[in-house]
Amino acid sequence: MLRALRDEHGATLTEYALLVACIAVVVIGAVQLLGTGSSNGLTSAGTTISSGRHVPGSGNGGGNGNGGGNSGCGTQC
């Protein structure tokens, strides 16, 4: 009877199961939060692209290779 009380194999398994469950809860929560933020950002980007609006300062400075810094913006900037 005392040997059964000292045996910790079951306790160790239970501790690992609780640890895995806690990690799973944290991971699921993080994925849901990041998923919502990513979805909102991608939706906003898609709406901007499909509407054809130009957003000043949005990284359209490709240049023409001669070091002149041709932004390709023309008269729309």
C-alpha atoms as a PDB file:
ATOM      1  CA  MET A   1       0.000   0.000   0.000  1.00  0.00           C
ATOM      2  CA  LEU A   2       2.802   2.434   0.896  1.00  0.00           C
ATOM      3  CA  ARG A   3       4.586   1.593  -2.332  1.00  0.00           C
ATOM      4  CA  ALA A   4       1.504   2.610  -4.294  1.00  0.00           C
ATOM      5  CA  LEU A   5       1.406   5.966  -2.483  1.00  0.00           C
ATOM      6  CA  ARG A   6       5.076   6.645  -3.292  1.00  0.00           C
ATOM      7  CA  ASP A   7       4.761   5.705  -6.957  1.00  0.00           C
ATOM      8  CA  GLU A   8       4.811   8.983  -8.907  1.00  0.00           C
ATOM      9  CA  HIS A   9       4.450   7.659 -12.448  1.00  0.00           C
ATOM     10  CA  GLY A  10       0.797   8.618 -12.603  1.00  0.00           C
ATOM     11  CA  ALA A  11       1.457  12.018 -11.040  1.00  0.00           C
ATOM     12  CA  THR A  12       4.173  12.764 -13.583  1.00  0.00           C
ATOM     13  CA  LEU A  13       1.883  11.832 -16.447  1.00  0.00           C
ATOM     14  CA  THR A  14      -0.854  14.046 -15.027  1.00  0.00           C
ATOM     15  CA  GLU A  15       1.563  16.961 -14.661  1.00  0.00           C
ATOM     16  CA  TYR A  16       2.693  16.604 -18.273  1.00  0.00           C
ATOM     17  CA  ALA A  17      -0.912  16.423 -19.443  1.00  0.00           C
ATOM     18  CA  LEU A  18      -1.758  19.630 -17.559  1.00  0.00           C
ATOM     19  CA  LEU A  19       1.343  21.336 -18.954  1.00  0.00           C
ATOM     20  CA  VAL A  20       0.429  20.370 -22.519  1.00  0.00           C
ATOM     21  CA  ALA A  21      -3.147  21.550 -21.977  1.00  0.00           C
ATOM     22  CA  CYS A  22      -1.953  24.938 -20.671  1.00  0.00           C
ATOM     23  CA  ILE A  23       0.421  25.369 -23.604  1.00  0.00           C
ATOM     24  CA  ALA A  24      -2.371  24.467 -26.023  1.00  0.00           C
ATOM     25  CA  VAL A  25      -4.669  27.097 -24.494  1.00  0.00           C
ATOM     26  CA  VAL A  26      -1.964  29.775 -24.808  1.00  0.00           C
ATOM     27  CA  VAL A  27      -1.163  28.819 -28.410  1.00  0.00           C
ATOM     28  CA  ILE A  28      -4.832  28.786 -29.435  1.00  0.00           C
ATOM     29  CA  GLY A  29      -5.379  32.200 -27.848  1.00  0.00           C
ATOM     30  CA  ALA A  30      -2.310  33.663 -29.567  1.00  0.00           C
ATOM     31  CA  VAL A  31      -3.323  32.263 -32.951  1.00  0.00           C
ATOM     32  CA  GLN A  32      -6.811  33.712 -32.614  1.00  0.00           C
ATOM     33  CA  LEU A  33      -5.478  37.157 -31.677  1.00  0.00           C
ATOM     34  CA  LEU A  34      -2.855  37.193 -34.422  1.00  0.00           C
ATOM     35  CA  GLY A  35      -5.287  35.757 -36.941  1.00  0.00           C
ATOM     36  CA  THR A  36      -7.792  38.545 -36.334  1.00  0.00           C
ATOM     37  CA  GLY A  37      -5.111  41.233 -36.629  1.00  0.00           C
ATOM     38  CA  SER A  38      -3.668  39.707 -39.784  1.00  0.00           C
ATOM     39  CA  SER A  39      -7.091  39.327 -41.338  1.00  0.00           C
ATOM     40  CA  ASN A  40      -7.976  42.969 -40.661  1.00  0.00           C
ATOM     41  CA  GLY A  41      -4.662  44.170 -42.090  1.00  0.00           C
ATOM     42  CA  LEU A  42      -4.942  42.052 -45.215  1.00  0.00           C
ATOM     43  CA  THR A  43      -8.545  43.131 -45.760  1.00  0.00           C
ATOM     44  CA  SER A  44      -7.514  46.780 -45.516  1.00  0.00           C
ATOM     45  CA  ALA A  45      -4.618  46.245 -47.929  1.00  0.00           C
ATOM     46  CA  GLY A  46      -6.849  44.424 -50.392  1.00  0.00           C
ATOM     47  CA  THR A  47      -9.451  47.185 -50.257  1.00  0.00           C
ATOM     48  CA  THR A  48      -6.796  49.830 -50.909  1.00  0.00           C
ATOM     49  CA  ILE A  49      -5.357  47.886 -53.841  1.00  0.00           C
ATOM     50  CA  SER A  50      -8.719  47.155 -55.444  1.00  0.00           C
ATOM     51  CA  SER A  51      -9.877  50.772 -55.104  1.00  0.00           C
ATOM     52  CA  GLY A  52      -6.775  52.023 -56.922  1.00  0.00           C
ATOM     53  CA  ARG A  53      -6.103  54.790 -54.403  1.00  0.00           C
ATOM     54  CA  HIS A  54      -2.584  56.151 -54.185  1.00  0.00           C
ATOM     55  CA  VAL A  55      -1.280  56.508 -50.659  1.00  0.00           C
ATOM     56  CA  PRO A  56       1.571  59.074 -50.505  1.00  0.00           C
ATOM     57  CA  GLY A  57       4.774  57.709 -49.057  1.00  0.00           C
ATOM     58  CA  SER A  58       3.765  54.132 -49.658  1.00  0.00           C
ATOM     59  CA  GLY A  59       7.048  52.909 -51.143  1.00  0.00           C
ATOM     60  CA  ASN A  60       6.772  53.673 -54.858  1.00  0.00           C
ATOM     61  CA  GLY A  61      10.364  54.945 -55.277  1.00  0.00           C
ATOM     62  CA  GLY A  62      11.746  52.323 -57.642  1.00  0.00           C
ATOM     63  CA  GLY A  63      14.338  54.505 -59.355  1.00  0.00           C
ATOM     64  CA  ASN A  64      15.664  54.212 -62.885  1.00  0.00           C
ATOM     65  CA  GLY A  65      19.137  52.892 -62.124  1.00  0.00           C
ATOM     66  CA  ASN A  66      21.125  56.101 -62.683  1.00  0.00           C
ATOM     67  CA  GLY A  67      21.081  57.242 -59.065  1.00  0.00           C
ATOM     68  CA  GLY A  68      18.663  60.049 -59.810  1.00  0.00           C
ATOM     69  CA  GLY A  69      15.930  58.721 -57.548  1.00  0.00           C
ATOM     70  CA  ASN A  70      13.129  58.661 -60.116  1.00  0.00           C
ATOM     71  CA  SER A  71      10.095  57.881 -57.975  1.00  0.00           C
ATOM     72  CA  GLY A  72       7.807  57.053 -60.884  1.00  0.00           C
ATOM     73  CA  CYS A  73       5.127  59.163 -59.276  1.00  0.00           C
ATOM     74  CA  GLY A  74       4.675  61.730 -62.052  1.00  0.00           C
ATOM     75  CA  THR A  75       2.122  64.413 -61.250  1.00  0.00           C
ATOM     76  CA  GLN A  76      -0.060  62.254 -58.995  1.00  0.00           C
ATOM     77  CA  CYS A  77       2.037  62.704 -55.838  1.00  0.00           C
END
